[in-house]
C-alpha atoms as a PDB file:
ATOM      1  CA  MET A   1     -20.049 -10.955 -18.060  1.00  0.00           C
ATOM      2  CA  GLU A   2     -18.034 -13.349 -15.883  1.00  0.00           C
ATOM      3  CA  SER A   3     -17.055 -12.343 -12.384  1.00  0.00           C
ATOM      4  CA  ALA A   4     -13.298 -12.408 -13.294  1.00  0.00           C
ATOM      5  CA  GLN A   5     -13.955  -9.853 -16.111  1.00  0.00           C
ATOM      6  CA  LEU A   6     -15.969  -7.650 -13.744  1.00  0.00           C
ATOM      7  CA  VAL A   7     -13.087  -7.718 -11.265  1.00  0.00           C
ATOM      8  CA  ILE A   8     -10.582  -6.698 -13.877  1.00  0.00           C
ATOM      9  CA  ILE A   9     -12.701  -3.791 -15.166  1.00  0.00           C
ATOM     10  CA  ALA A  10     -13.413  -2.633 -11.613  1.00  0.00           C
ATOM     11  CA  GLY A  11      -9.712  -2.893 -10.738  1.00  0.00           C
ATOM     12  CA  LEU A  12      -8.888  -0.659 -13.732  1.00  0.00           C
ATOM     13  CA  LEU A  13     -11.468   1.884 -12.662  1.00  0.00           C
ATOM     14  CA  ILE A  14     -10.204   1.887  -9.087  1.00  0.00           C
ATOM     15  CA  GLY A  15      -6.648   2.428 -10.374  1.00  0.00           C
ATOM     16  CA  LEU A  16      -7.797   5.252 -12.641  1.00  0.00           C
ATOM     17  CA  VAL A  17      -9.304   7.118  -9.702  1.00  0.00           C
ATOM     18  CA  TYR A  18      -6.333   6.465  -7.457  1.00  0.00           C
ATOM     19  CA  GLY A  19      -3.907   7.683 -10.206  1.00  0.00           C
ATOM     20  CA  ALA A  20      -5.876  10.908 -10.690  1.00  0.00           C
ATOM     21  CA  VAL A  21      -6.256  11.597  -7.031  1.00  0.00           C
ATOM     22  CA  GLY A  22      -2.609  10.702  -6.303  1.00  0.00           C
ATOM     23  CA  LEU A  23      -1.376  13.161  -8.914  1.00  0.00           C
ATOM     24  CA  LEU A  24      -3.628  16.073  -7.894  1.00  0.00           C
ATOM     25  CA  SER A  25      -3.081  15.628  -4.114  1.00  0.00           C
ATOM     26  CA  GLY A  26       0.496  14.290  -3.733  1.00  0.00           C
ATOM     27  CA  PHE A  27      -0.832  11.436  -1.601  1.00  0.00           C
ATOM     28  CA  CYS A  28       2.227   9.451  -0.370  1.00  0.00           C
ATOM     29  CA  LEU A  29       3.370   8.187   3.025  1.00  0.00           C
ATOM     30  CA  MET A  30       7.012   9.189   2.432  1.00  0.00           C
ATOM     31  CA  SER A  31       6.061  12.744   1.395  1.00  0.00           C
ATOM     32  CA  SER A  32       3.675  12.889   4.375  1.00  0.00           C
ATOM     33  CA  MET A  33       6.388  11.933   6.901  1.00  0.00           C
ATOM     34  CA  ARG A  34       8.977  14.177   5.256  1.00  0.00           C
ATOM     35  CA  GLY A  35       6.595  17.112   5.547  1.00  0.00           C
ATOM     36  CA  PHE A  36       5.743  16.187   9.130  1.00  0.00           C
ATOM     37  CA  LEU A  37       9.309  15.551  10.342  1.00  0.00           C
ATOM     38  CA  ALA A  38      11.349  18.010   8.300  1.00  0.00           C
ATOM     39  CA  GLN A  39       9.111  20.814   7.300  1.00  0.00           C
ATOM     40  CA  GLY A  40       6.521  20.931  10.101  1.00  0.00           C
ATOM     41  CA  ASP A  41       3.662  20.540   7.584  1.00  0.00           C
ATOM     42  CA  GLY A  42       1.202  17.938   8.958  1.00  0.00           C
ATOM     43  CA  ARG A  43      -1.524  18.164   6.319  1.00  0.00           C
ATOM     44  CA  LEU A  44      -0.406  15.214   4.200  1.00  0.00           C
ATOM     45  CA  VAL A  45       0.210  12.920   7.155  1.00  0.00           C
ATOM     46  CA  ARG A  46      -3.255  13.713   8.448  1.00  0.00           C
ATOM     47  CA  SER A  47      -4.772  13.010   5.037  1.00  0.00           C
ATOM     48  CA  TYR A  48      -3.095   9.593   5.261  1.00  0.00           C
ATOM     49  CA  ALA A  49      -4.438   9.055   8.781  1.00  0.00           C
ATOM     50  CA  LEU A  50      -7.914   9.925   7.549  1.00  0.00           C
ATOM     51  CA  ALA A  51      -7.573   7.432   4.650  1.00  0.00           C
ATOM     52  CA  ILE A  52      -6.647   4.707   7.167  1.00  0.00           C
ATOM     53  CA  ALA A  53      -9.685   5.608   9.337  1.00  0.00           C
ATOM     54  CA  VAL A  54     -12.088   5.507   6.370  1.00  0.00           C
ATOM     55  CA  ALA A  55     -10.504   2.300   5.024  1.00  0.00           C
ATOM     56  CA  ILE A  56     -10.849   0.587   8.427  1.00  0.00           C
ATOM     57  CA  ALA A  57     -14.450   1.765   9.038  1.00  0.00           C
ATOM     58  CA  ALA A  58     -15.694   0.837   5.504  1.00  0.00           C
ATOM     59  CA  SER A  59     -13.866  -2.467   5.279  1.00  0.00           C
ATOM     60  CA  GLN A  60     -14.996  -3.611   8.722  1.00  0.00           C
ATOM     61  CA  LEU A  61     -18.535  -2.608   7.813  1.00  0.00           C
ATOM     62  CA  LEU A  62     -18.321  -4.845   4.737  1.00  0.00           C
ATOM     63  CA  ALA A  63     -16.908  -7.728   6.841  1.00  0.00           C
ATOM     64  CA  GLY A  64     -19.400  -7.296   9.595  1.00  0.00           C
ATOM     65  CA  SER A  65     -22.313  -7.386   7.193  1.00  0.00           C
ATOM     66  CA  GLY A  66     -21.020 -10.623   5.698  1.00  0.00           C
ATOM     67  CA  MET A  67     -20.526  -9.138   2.240  1.00  0.00           C
ATOM     68  CA  VAL A  68     -16.706  -9.751   2.281  1.00  0.00           C
ATOM     69  CA  ASP A  69     -14.724 -12.446   4.074  1.00  0.00           C
ATOM     70  CA  LEU A  70     -11.509 -10.656   4.968  1.00  0.00           C
ATOM     71  CA  GLY A  71     -10.260 -13.930   6.464  1.00  0.00           C
ATOM     72  CA  ARG A  72      -9.551 -15.126   2.947  1.00  0.00           C
ATOM     73  CA  SER A  73      -6.957 -12.397   2.422  1.00  0.00           C
ATOM     74  CA  ILE A  74      -3.230 -12.912   2.931  1.00  0.00           C
ATOM     75  CA  TYR A  75      -3.224 -10.613   5.938  1.00  0.00           C
ATOM     76  CA  LEU A  76      -5.352 -12.688   8.386  1.00  0.00           C
ATOM     77  CA  GLN A  77      -3.238 -15.838   8.550  1.00  0.00           C
ATOM     78  CA  THR A  78      -3.013 -17.898  11.667  1.00  0.00           C
ATOM     79  CA  SER A  79       0.701 -18.452  11.074  1.00  0.00           C
ATOM     80  CA  PHE A  80       3.087 -15.617  10.271  1.00  0.00           C
ATOM     81  CA  SER A  81       6.598 -14.420  11.027  1.00  0.00           C
ATOM     82  CA  ALA A  82       6.525 -11.148  12.959  1.00  0.00           C
ATOM     83  CA  PRO A  83      10.356 -10.740  12.608  1.00  0.00           C
ATOM     84  CA  VAL A  84      10.243 -11.096   8.822  1.00  0.00           C
ATOM     85  CA  LEU A  85       7.280  -8.791   8.520  1.00  0.00           C
ATOM     86  CA  PHE A  86       8.995  -6.169  10.620  1.00  0.00           C
ATOM     87  CA  LEU A  87      12.360  -6.498   8.816  1.00  0.00           C
ATOM     88  CA  GLY A  88      10.644  -6.323   5.491  1.00  0.00           C
ATOM     89  CA  GLY A  89       8.865  -3.187   6.591  1.00  0.00           C
ATOM     90  CA  VAL A  90      12.104  -1.592   7.638  1.00  0.00           C
ATOM     91  CA  LEU A  91      13.778  -2.372   4.348  1.00  0.00           C
ATOM     92  CA  PHE A  92      10.786  -1.033   2.452  1.00  0.00           C
ATOM     93  CA  GLY A  93      10.597   2.195   4.465  1.00  0.00           C
ATOM     94  CA  TYR A  94      14.294   2.911   4.064  1.00  0.00           C
ATOM     95  CA  GLY A  95      14.144   2.052   0.316  1.00  0.00           C
ATOM     96  CA  MET A  96      11.147   4.370  -0.024  1.00  0.00           C
ATOM     97  CA  VAL A  97      13.249   7.258   1.209  1.00  0.00           C
ATOM     98  CA  LEU A  98      16.151   6.450  -1.136  1.00  0.00           C
ATOM     99  CA  SER A  99      13.743   6.279  -4.083  1.00  0.00           C
ATOM    100  CA  ASN A 100      11.825   9.349  -2.938  1.00  0.00           C
ATOM    101  CA  GLY A 101       8.466   7.579  -2.965  1.00  0.00           C
ATOM    102  CA  CYS A 102       6.756   4.195  -2.793  1.00  0.00           C
ATOM    103  CA  GLY A 103       5.687   2.020  -5.701  1.00  0.00           C
ATOM    104  CA  SER A 104       2.277   3.639  -6.096  1.00  0.00           C
ATOM    105  CA  ARG A 105       3.855   7.038  -6.049  1.00  0.00           C
ATOM    106  CA  ALA A 106       6.344   5.928  -8.708  1.00  0.00           C
ATOM    107  CA  LEU A 107       3.439   4.843 -10.921  1.00  0.00           C
ATOM    108  CA  VAL A 108       1.760   8.250 -10.431  1.00  0.00           C
ATOM    109  CA  LEU A 109       4.978  10.166 -11.176  1.00  0.00           C
ATOM    110  CA  LEU A 110       5.576   7.978 -14.215  1.00  0.00           C
ATOM    111  CA  GLY A 111       2.298   9.219 -15.688  1.00  0.00           C
ATOM    112  CA  LEU A 112       3.559  12.752 -15.056  1.00  0.00           C
ATOM    113  CA  GLY A 113       6.571  12.016 -17.266  1.00  0.00           C
ATOM    114  CA  ASN A 114       9.099  11.329 -14.492  1.00  0.00           C
ATOM    115  CA  LEU A 115      11.642   8.959 -16.087  1.00  0.00           C
ATOM    116  CA  ARG A 116      13.287   8.361 -12.723  1.00  0.00           C
ATOM    117  CA  SER A 117      10.031   6.605 -11.736  1.00  0.00           C
ATOM    118  CA  PHE A 118      10.381   4.314 -14.733  1.00  0.00           C
ATOM    119  CA  VAL A 119      13.658   3.016 -13.304  1.00  0.00           C
ATOM    120  CA  VAL A 120      12.065   2.647  -9.898  1.00  0.00           C
ATOM    121  CA  VAL A 121       9.101   0.651 -11.260  1.00  0.00           C
ATOM    122  CA  ILE A 122      11.297  -1.669 -13.289  1.00  0.00           C
ATOM    123  CA  VAL A 123      13.899  -2.325 -10.569  1.00  0.00           C
ATOM    124  CA  LEU A 124      11.176  -2.687  -7.924  1.00  0.00           C
ATOM    125  CA  GLY A 125       9.297  -5.225 -10.083  1.00  0.00           C
ATOM    126  CA  ILE A 126      12.446  -7.293 -10.764  1.00  0.00           C
ATOM    127  CA  ALA A 127      13.495  -7.354  -7.133  1.00  0.00           C
ATOM    128  CA  ALA A 128      10.039  -8.268  -6.007  1.00  0.00           C
ATOM    129  CA  GLN A 129       9.815 -11.140  -8.494  1.00  0.00           C
ATOM    130  CA  MET A 130      13.213 -12.395  -7.439  1.00  0.00           C
ATOM    131  CA  THR A 131      12.034 -12.404  -3.777  1.00  0.00           C
ATOM    132  CA  LEU A 132       8.725 -13.995  -4.579  1.00  0.00           C
ATOM    133  CA  LYS A 133       9.847 -16.714  -6.958  1.00  0.00           C
ATOM    134  CA  GLY A 134      13.448 -16.212  -8.024  1.00  0.00           C
ATOM    135  CA  LEU A 135      16.988 -16.222  -6.547  1.00  0.00           C
ATOM    136  CA  ILE A 136      16.075 -14.597  -3.256  1.00  0.00           C
ATOM    137  CA  ALA A 137      12.930 -16.686  -2.631  1.00  0.00           C
ATOM    138  CA  PRO A 138      14.678 -19.648  -0.941  1.00  0.00           C
ATOM    139  CA  ALA A 139      16.319 -17.315   1.607  1.00  0.00           C
ATOM    140  CA  ARG A 140      13.033 -15.535   2.303  1.00  0.00           C
ATOM    141  CA  ILE A 141      11.181 -18.868   2.769  1.00  0.00           C
ATOM    142  CA  ALA A 142      13.903 -20.171   5.085  1.00  0.00           C
ATOM    143  CA  LEU A 143      13.658 -17.025   7.242  1.00  0.00           C
ATOM    144  CA  VAL A 144       9.852 -17.329   7.409  1.00  0.00           C
ATOM    145  CA  GLN A 145       9.957 -21.007   8.325  1.00  0.00           C
ATOM    146  CA  ALA A 146      12.553 -20.482  11.039  1.00  0.00           C
ATOM    147  CA  SER A 147      10.667 -17.604  12.717  1.00  0.00           C
ATOM    148  CA  GLN A 148       6.992 -18.076  12.058  1.00  0.00           C
ATOM    149  CA  ALA A 149       4.543 -18.836  14.850  1.00  0.00           C
ATOM    150  CA  THR A 150       0.946 -20.009  15.034  1.00  0.00           C
ATOM    151  CA  VAL A 151      -1.305 -17.625  16.979  1.00  0.00           C
ATOM    152  CA  SER A 152      -4.785 -18.081  18.383  1.00  0.00           C
ATOM    153  CA  ALA A 153      -5.617 -14.414  17.755  1.00  0.00           C
ATOM    154  CA  ASN A 154      -4.455 -12.936  14.417  1.00  0.00           C
ATOM    155  CA  SER A 155      -6.394  -9.659  14.516  1.00  0.00           C
ATOM    156  CA  LEU A 156      -7.248  -6.970  16.987  1.00  0.00           C
ATOM    157  CA  PRO A 157     -10.946  -8.010  17.168  1.00  0.00           C
ATOM    158  CA  SER A 158      -9.957 -11.619  17.783  1.00  0.00           C
ATOM    159  CA  LEU A 159      -7.533 -10.488  20.492  1.00  0.00           C
ATOM    160  CA  LEU A 160     -10.306  -8.568  22.227  1.00  0.00           C
ATOM    161  CA  ALA A 161     -12.545 -11.613  21.852  1.00  0.00           C
ATOM    162  CA  THR A 162     -10.158 -13.608  24.099  1.00  0.00           C
ATOM    163  CA  LEU A 163     -11.267 -11.260  26.938  1.00  0.00           C
ATOM    164  CA  GLY A 164     -14.722 -12.726  26.728  1.00  0.00           C
ATOM    165  CA  LEU A 165     -16.276 -10.227  24.346  1.00  0.00           C
ATOM    166  CA  GLY A 166     -18.444 -11.483  21.484  1.00  0.00           C
ATOM    167  CA  ASP A 167     -17.156 -11.329  17.901  1.00  0.00           C
ATOM    168  CA  ALA A 168     -19.437  -8.510  16.903  1.00  0.00           C
ATOM    169  CA  VAL A 169     -18.694  -6.420  19.968  1.00  0.00           C
ATOM    170  CA  SER A 170     -14.925  -6.968  19.534  1.00  0.00           C
ATOM    171  CA  ARG A 171     -15.124  -5.906  15.915  1.00  0.00           C
ATOM    172  CA  VAL A 172     -17.086  -2.763  16.692  1.00  0.00           C
ATOM    173  CA  LEU A 173     -14.943  -1.817  19.677  1.00  0.00           C
ATOM    174  CA  ALA A 174     -11.622  -2.314  17.855  1.00  0.00           C
ATOM    175  CA  THR A 175     -12.882  -0.409  14.873  1.00  0.00           C
ATOM    176  CA  ALA A 176     -14.276   2.453  16.901  1.00  0.00           C
ATOM    177  CA  LEU A 177     -11.113   2.907  19.028  1.00  0.00           C
ATOM    178  CA  ILE A 178      -8.790   3.150  16.060  1.00  0.00           C
ATOM    179  CA  VAL A 179     -11.074   5.127  13.742  1.00  0.00           C
ATOM    180  CA  VAL A 180     -11.915   7.710  16.408  1.00  0.00           C
ATOM    181  CA  ALA A 181      -8.290   8.120  17.389  1.00  0.00           C
ATOM    182  CA  LEU A 182      -7.203   8.604  13.747  1.00  0.00           C
ATOM    183  CA  ILE A 183     -10.022  11.106  12.991  1.00  0.00           C
ATOM    184  CA  LEU A 184      -9.217  13.116  16.086  1.00  0.00           C
ATOM    185  CA  PHE A 185      -5.560  13.213  15.114  1.00  0.00           C
ATOM    186  CA  ALA A 186      -6.415  14.339  11.598  1.00  0.00           C
ATOM    187  CA  PHE A 187      -8.847  17.094  12.450  1.00  0.00           C
ATOM    188  CA  ALA A 188      -7.000  18.422  15.475  1.00  0.00           C
ATOM    189  CA  HIS A 189      -4.708  20.201  13.012  1.00  0.00           C
ATOM    190  CA  PRO A 190      -6.158  23.639  11.949  1.00  0.00           C
ATOM    191  CA  ALA A 191      -4.326  23.706   8.624  1.00  0.00           C
ATOM    192  CA  PHE A 192      -5.796  20.293   7.728  1.00  0.00           C
ATOM    193  CA  ARG A 193      -9.308  21.453   8.584  1.00  0.00           C
ATOM    194  CA  ARG A 194      -8.816  24.292   6.128  1.00  0.00           C
ATOM    195  CA  SER A 195      -7.646  21.917   3.333  1.00  0.00           C
ATOM    196  CA  PRO A 196     -10.769  20.504   1.710  1.00  0.00           C
ATOM    197  CA  GLY A 197      -8.663  18.877  -1.022  1.00  0.00           C
ATOM    198  CA  GLN A 198      -6.623  16.832   1.447  1.00  0.00           C
ATOM    199  CA  ILE A 199      -9.783  15.881   3.390  1.00  0.00           C
ATOM    200  CA  ALA A 200     -11.393  14.703   0.123  1.00  0.00           C
ATOM    201  CA  THR A 201      -8.288  12.744  -0.715  1.00  0.00           C
ATOM    202  CA  GLY A 202      -8.262  10.902   2.558  1.00  0.00           C
ATOM    203  CA  ILE A 203     -11.927   9.949   2.194  1.00  0.00           C
ATOM    204  CA  ILE A 204     -11.630   8.870  -1.466  1.00  0.00           C
ATOM    205  CA  VAL A 205      -8.483   6.782  -0.966  1.00  0.00           C
ATOM    206  CA  GLY A 206     -10.010   5.065   2.076  1.00  0.00           C
ATOM    207  CA  LEU A 207     -13.116   4.246   0.123  1.00  0.00           C
ATOM    208  CA  LEU A 208     -11.055   2.880  -2.738  1.00  0.00           C
ATOM    209  CA  VAL A 209      -9.537   0.344  -0.340  1.00  0.00           C
ATOM    210  CA  ALA A 210     -13.042  -0.756   0.682  1.00  0.00           C
ATOM    211  CA  ALA A 211     -14.059  -0.833  -2.992  1.00  0.00           C
ATOM    212  CA  GLY A 212     -11.194  -3.233  -3.712  1.00  0.00           C
ATOM    213  CA  TRP A 213     -12.445  -5.568  -0.981  1.00  0.00           C
ATOM    214  CA  LEU A 214     -15.980  -5.406  -2.324  1.00  0.00           C
ATOM    215  CA  VAL A 215     -14.874  -6.058  -5.897  1.00  0.00           C
ATOM    216  CA  THR A 216     -12.661  -9.093  -5.169  1.00  0.00           C
ATOM    217  CA  GLY A 217     -14.556 -10.444  -2.122  1.00  0.00           C
ATOM    218  CA  TYR A 218     -18.118  -9.922  -3.393  1.00  0.00           C
ATOM    219  CA  LEU A 219     -18.176  -9.565  -7.177  1.00  0.00           C
ATOM    220  CA  GLY A 220     -15.356 -12.070  -7.476  1.00  0.00           C
ATOM    221  CA  ALA A 221     -16.925 -14.616  -5.205  1.00  0.00           C
ATOM    222  CA  ASP A 222     -17.467 -17.281  -7.895  1.00  0.00           C
ATOM    223  CA  ASP A 223     -17.798 -20.871  -6.544  1.00  0.00           C
ATOM    224  CA  PHE A 224     -16.232 -22.279  -9.691  1.00  0.00           C
ATOM    225  CA  ASN A 225     -13.599 -19.634 -10.355  1.00  0.00           C
ATOM    226  CA  PRO A 226     -12.978 -17.629  -7.177  1.00  0.00           C
ATOM    227  CA  VAL A 227     -10.888 -14.490  -7.281  1.00  0.00           C
ATOM    228  CA  PRO A 228      -8.278 -13.964  -4.578  1.00  0.00           C
ATOM    229  CA  VAL A 229      -9.658 -11.571  -1.972  1.00  0.00           C
ATOM    230  CA  THR A 230      -7.473  -8.439  -1.979  1.00  0.00           C
ATOM    231  CA  SER A 231      -7.494  -4.710  -2.483  1.00  0.00           C
ATOM    232  CA  LEU A 232      -5.062  -1.927  -3.169  1.00  0.00           C
ATOM    233  CA  THR A 233      -1.457  -3.111  -2.973  1.00  0.00           C
ATOM    234  CA  PHE A 234       1.435  -2.521  -5.358  1.00  0.00           C
ATOM    235  CA  ILE A 235       4.547  -4.687  -4.755  1.00  0.00           C
ATOM    236  CA  ALA A 236       3.461  -8.048  -6.141  1.00  0.00           C
ATOM    237  CA  PRO A 237       1.087  -6.381  -8.742  1.00  0.00           C
ATOM    238  CA  ILE A 238       3.907  -4.344 -10.160  1.00  0.00           C
ATOM    239  CA  ALA A 239       5.996  -7.484 -10.513  1.00  0.00           C
ATOM    240  CA  ASP A 240       3.075  -9.335 -12.083  1.00  0.00           C
ATOM    241  CA  ALA A 241       2.397  -6.425 -14.457  1.00  0.00           C
ATOM    242  CA  LEU A 242       5.971  -6.480 -15.722  1.00  0.00           C
ATOM    243  CA  GLN A 243       5.807 -10.246 -16.202  1.00  0.00           C
ATOM    244  CA  TYR A 244       2.465  -9.908 -17.993  1.00  0.00           C
ATOM    245  CA  ALA A 245       3.914  -7.248 -20.307  1.00  0.00           C
ATOM    246  CA  MET A 246       6.598  -9.686 -21.341  1.00  0.00           C
ATOM    247  CA  LEU A 247       4.690 -12.993 -21.302  1.00  0.00           C
ATOM    248  CA  SER A 248       1.060 -12.112 -21.700  1.00  0.00           C
ATOM    249  CA  THR A 249       0.186 -15.120 -23.792  1.00  0.00           C
ATOM    250  CA  GLY A 250       1.045 -17.452 -20.926  1.00  0.00           C
ATOM    251  CA  LEU A 251      -0.448 -15.364 -18.086  1.00  0.00           C
ATOM    252  CA  THR A 252      -3.879 -14.180 -17.005  1.00  0.00           C
ATOM    253  CA  LEU A 253      -4.943 -10.661 -16.153  1.00  0.00           C
ATOM    254  CA  ASN A 254      -5.909 -10.109 -12.511  1.00  0.00           C
ATOM    255  CA  PHE A 255      -7.179  -7.349 -10.213  1.00  0.00           C
ATOM    256  CA  GLY A 256      -3.636  -6.228  -9.242  1.00  0.00           C
ATOM    257  CA  ILE A 257      -2.342  -5.910 -12.819  1.00  0.00           C
ATOM    258  CA  ALA A 258      -5.473  -3.996 -13.829  1.00  0.00           C
ATOM    259  CA  THR A 259      -4.997  -1.643 -10.870  1.00  0.00           C
ATOM    260  CA  VAL A 260      -1.373  -0.954 -11.770  1.00  0.00           C
ATOM    261  CA  ALA A 261      -2.353  -0.118 -15.320  1.00  0.00           C
ATOM    262  CA  GLY A 262      -5.184   2.040 -14.102  1.00  0.00           C
ATOM    263  CA  VAL A 263      -3.021   4.087 -11.763  1.00  0.00           C
ATOM    264  CA  PHE A 264      -0.537   4.866 -14.564  1.00  0.00           C
ATOM    265  CA  ALA A 265      -3.348   5.646 -17.025  1.00  0.00           C
ATOM    266  CA  GLY A 266      -5.234   7.828 -14.517  1.00  0.00           C
ATOM    267  CA  SER A 267      -2.154   9.799 -13.665  1.00  0.00           C
ATOM    268  CA  LEU A 268      -1.177  10.222 -17.371  1.00  0.00           C
ATOM    269  CA  ALA A 269      -4.650  11.409 -18.397  1.00  0.00           C
ATOM    270  CA  THR A 270      -4.787  13.851 -15.484  1.00  0.00           C
ATOM    271  CA  ALA A 271      -1.313  15.213 -16.266  1.00  0.00           C
ATOM    272  CA  LEU A 272      -2.255  15.715 -19.891  1.00  0.00           C
ATOM    273  CA  VAL A 273      -5.582  17.395 -19.137  1.00  0.00           C
ATOM    274  CA  THR A 274      -3.982  19.709 -16.560  1.00  0.00           C
ATOM    275  CA  ARG A 275      -0.972  20.322 -18.795  1.00  0.00           C
ATOM    276  CA  ARG A 276       1.414  19.147 -16.105  1.00  0.00           C
ATOM    277  CA  PHE A 277       3.079  16.442 -18.189  1.00  0.00           C
ATOM    278  CA  HIS A 278       6.757  16.976 -18.735  1.00  0.00           C
ATOM    279  CA  LEU A 279       9.772  14.712 -19.025  1.00  0.00           C
ATOM    280  CA  GLU A 280      12.371  14.545 -16.168  1.00  0.00           C
ATOM    281  CA  GLY A 281      15.451  12.493 -15.683  1.00  0.00           C
ATOM    282  CA  TYR A 282      18.272  11.924 -13.206  1.00  0.00           C
ATOM    283  CA  SER A 283      20.628  14.665 -12.229  1.00  0.00           C
ATOM    284  CA  SER A 284      23.653  12.429 -11.875  1.00  0.00           C
ATOM    285  CA  PRO A 285      24.736   8.740 -11.919  1.00  0.00           C
ATOM    286  CA  ARG A 286      24.845   8.820  -8.127  1.00  0.00           C
ATOM    287  CA  HIS A 287      21.264   9.967  -8.030  1.00  0.00           C
ATOM    288  CA  MET A 288      20.271   7.066 -10.266  1.00  0.00           C
ATOM    289  CA  LEU A 289      22.193   4.554  -8.111  1.00  0.00           C
ATOM    290  CA  ARG A 290      20.499   5.803  -4.992  1.00  0.00           C
ATOM    291  CA  SER A 291      17.076   5.627  -6.615  1.00  0.00           C
ATOM    292  CA  ALA A 292      17.589   2.136  -8.068  1.00  0.00           C
ATOM    293  CA  GLY A 293      18.994   0.856  -4.747  1.00  0.00           C
ATOM    294  CA  GLY A 294      15.967   2.134  -2.951  1.00  0.00           C
ATOM    295  CA  ALA A 295      13.681   0.482  -5.459  1.00  0.00           C
ATOM    296  CA  ALA A 296      15.465  -2.854  -4.913  1.00  0.00           C
ATOM    297  CA  LEU A 297      15.038  -2.528  -1.196  1.00  0.00           C
ATOM    298  CA  MET A 298      11.314  -1.731  -1.661  1.00  0.00           C
ATOM    299  CA  GLY A 299      10.830  -4.792  -3.871  1.00  0.00           C
ATOM    300  CA  ILE A 300      12.578  -7.122  -1.443  1.00  0.00           C
ATOM    301  CA  GLY A 301      11.167  -5.565   1.703  1.00  0.00           C
ATOM    302  CA  GLY A 302       7.674  -5.252   0.314  1.00  0.00           C
ATOM    303  CA  VAL A 303       7.474  -8.959  -0.430  1.00  0.00           C
ATOM    304  CA  MET A 304       8.846  -9.847   3.015  1.00  0.00           C
ATOM    305  CA  ALA A 305       6.364  -7.508   4.642  1.00  0.00           C
ATOM    306  CA  PHE A 306       3.371  -8.745   2.562  1.00  0.00           C
ATOM    307  CA  GLY A 307       2.846  -5.270   1.214  1.00  0.00           C
ATOM    308  CA  CYS A 308       3.884  -1.652   0.901  1.00  0.00           C
ATOM    309  CA  SER A 309       2.874   1.650   2.452  1.00  0.00           C
ATOM    310  CA  VAL A 310      -0.478   1.138   0.728  1.00  0.00           C
ATOM    311  CA  GLY A 311      -0.678  -2.644   0.704  1.00  0.00           C
ATOM    312  CA  GLN A 312      -0.046  -2.876   4.463  1.00  0.00           C
ATOM    313  CA  GLY A 313      -0.395   0.742   5.562  1.00  0.00           C
ATOM    314  CA  LEU A 314      -3.979   0.970   4.238  1.00  0.00           C
ATOM    315  CA  THR A 315      -5.237  -2.331   2.962  1.00  0.00           C
ATOM    316  CA  GLY A 316      -3.618  -4.654   5.526  1.00  0.00           C
ATOM    317  CA  VAL A 317      -4.468  -2.341   8.459  1.00  0.00           C
ATOM    318  CA  SER A 318      -8.064  -2.110   7.256  1.00  0.00           C
ATOM    319  CA  THR A 319      -8.389  -5.829   8.161  1.00  0.00           C
ATOM    320  CA  LEU A 320      -7.074  -5.025  11.688  1.00  0.00           C
ATOM    321  CA  ALA A 321      -4.599  -7.903  11.310  1.00  0.00           C
ATOM    322  CA  LEU A 322      -1.899  -8.016  13.991  1.00  0.00           C
ATOM    323  CA  GLY A 323       0.716  -8.871  11.406  1.00  0.00           C
ATOM    324  CA  SER A 324      -0.124  -5.694   9.442  1.00  0.00           C
ATOM    325  CA  PHE A 325       0.487  -3.487  12.482  1.00  0.00           C
ATOM    326  CA  VAL A 326       3.932  -5.201  12.886  1.00  0.00           C
ATOM    327  CA  ALA A 327       4.761  -4.538   9.181  1.00  0.00           C
ATOM    328  CA  VAL A 328       3.586  -0.891   9.383  1.00  0.00           C
ATOM    329  CA  ALA A 329       5.715  -0.360  12.491  1.00  0.00           C
ATOM    330  CA  GLY A 330       8.727  -1.541  10.514  1.00  0.00           C
ATOM    331  CA  ILE A 331       7.794   0.733   7.567  1.00  0.00           C
ATOM    332  CA  LEU A 332       7.460   3.746   9.876  1.00  0.00           C
ATOM    333  CA  LEU A 333      10.811   2.991  11.544  1.00  0.00           C
ATOM    334  CA  GLY A 334      12.619   2.477   8.226  1.00  0.00           C
ATOM    335  CA  THR A 335      11.169   5.643   6.814  1.00  0.00           C
ATOM    336  CA  THR A 336      12.030   7.728   9.872  1.00  0.00           C
ATOM    337  CA  ALA A 337      15.538   6.335   9.939  1.00  0.00           C
ATOM    338  CA  GLY A 338      16.003   7.202   6.271  1.00  0.00           C
ATOM    339  CA  LEU A 339      14.620  10.734   6.706  1.00  0.00           C
ATOM    340  CA  ARG A 340      16.525  11.553   9.869  1.00  0.00           C
ATOM    341  CA  GLY A 341      19.737   9.596   9.333  1.00  0.00           C
ATOM    342  CA  ALA A 342      21.479   9.639  12.730  1.00  0.00           C
ATOM    343  CA  PHE A 343      18.477  11.413  14.299  1.00  0.00           C
ATOM    344  CA  ARG A 344      18.719  14.413  12.022  1.00  0.00           C
ATOM    345  CA  VAL A 345      16.942  15.236   8.803  1.00  0.00           C
ATOM    346  CA  GLN A 346      19.057  14.713   5.712  1.00  0.00           C
ATOM    347  CA  PRO A 347      18.681  16.855   2.588  1.00  0.00           C
ATOM    348  CA  LEU A 348      16.927  14.818  -0.126  1.00  0.00           C
ATOM    349  CA  ALA A 349      17.093  14.947  -3.912  1.00  0.00           C
ATOM    350  CA  ALA A 350      14.123  16.414  -5.730  1.00  0.00           C
ATOM    351  CA  ALA A 351      11.166  14.123  -6.352  1.00  0.00           C
END
């Protein structure tokens, strides 16, 4: 079997697991922050923190052993626009609140029978494709060209290396500092320590990120037909999946499209097995407009930020890229602003 076929099959399997786990656990950054800020329930946000810790530790282990070259990913570029990354993150975070979930969560809820998520996925995909290659692309490119800068250190380890530390020491030190801090934050919460399901979710999702790097960076390392090195991310893959559904004869399957299909299939299968599948729709035209508007912001912002709450929040951060931390800061700010409004929590529509 060719490496490209192995990558597609593995991407489908990774998506299946993510879809099942996402449905059973409610794994979602927006839900995590809403629970943390509005309801005082910190279990989900600590599950997310644990997933980041596991993703960083496992991904850096792969990179340090030489199995995967994370430098080939889109996150570790020597030239990037911090303002565009941050602005994109803010737009994505605010849109995520309006749509009541990110792109990956929309795929999971779609498998549950949530027709609102169908609108979110479609609008997000169209807006992302417009920003990548369509009407909005020239404006995005102009913004990037006007504000990008070339840096000598594009990751936290390379930044530490400028202090005179060796590459290996810098990688271990940067990884240890962040991973230990995240684990302490997660397990300092008594309710989280009593939630084995949320602990397992954080570990599994983090390992899925590392599995994506291993699949594309190791199994896909074909000298004649190399596969782009990537892992879990959902903005561009959702756009590509919609385009593939319409024009499959002129396109090629890739890891991202397979992952998107896997997430939906995994969620649907889990919903059917657990008898949780049921159809839901919008409560009002205003609710639909709010949701679709949020999806458009997620599509545009996610492309500008090079990823979503998973694509940057987990996958990008697992590379320890400085640009990813900038994008995640924007996502957190946009999400917080959306949840609090003018520094107060706003009532939200049902998921």
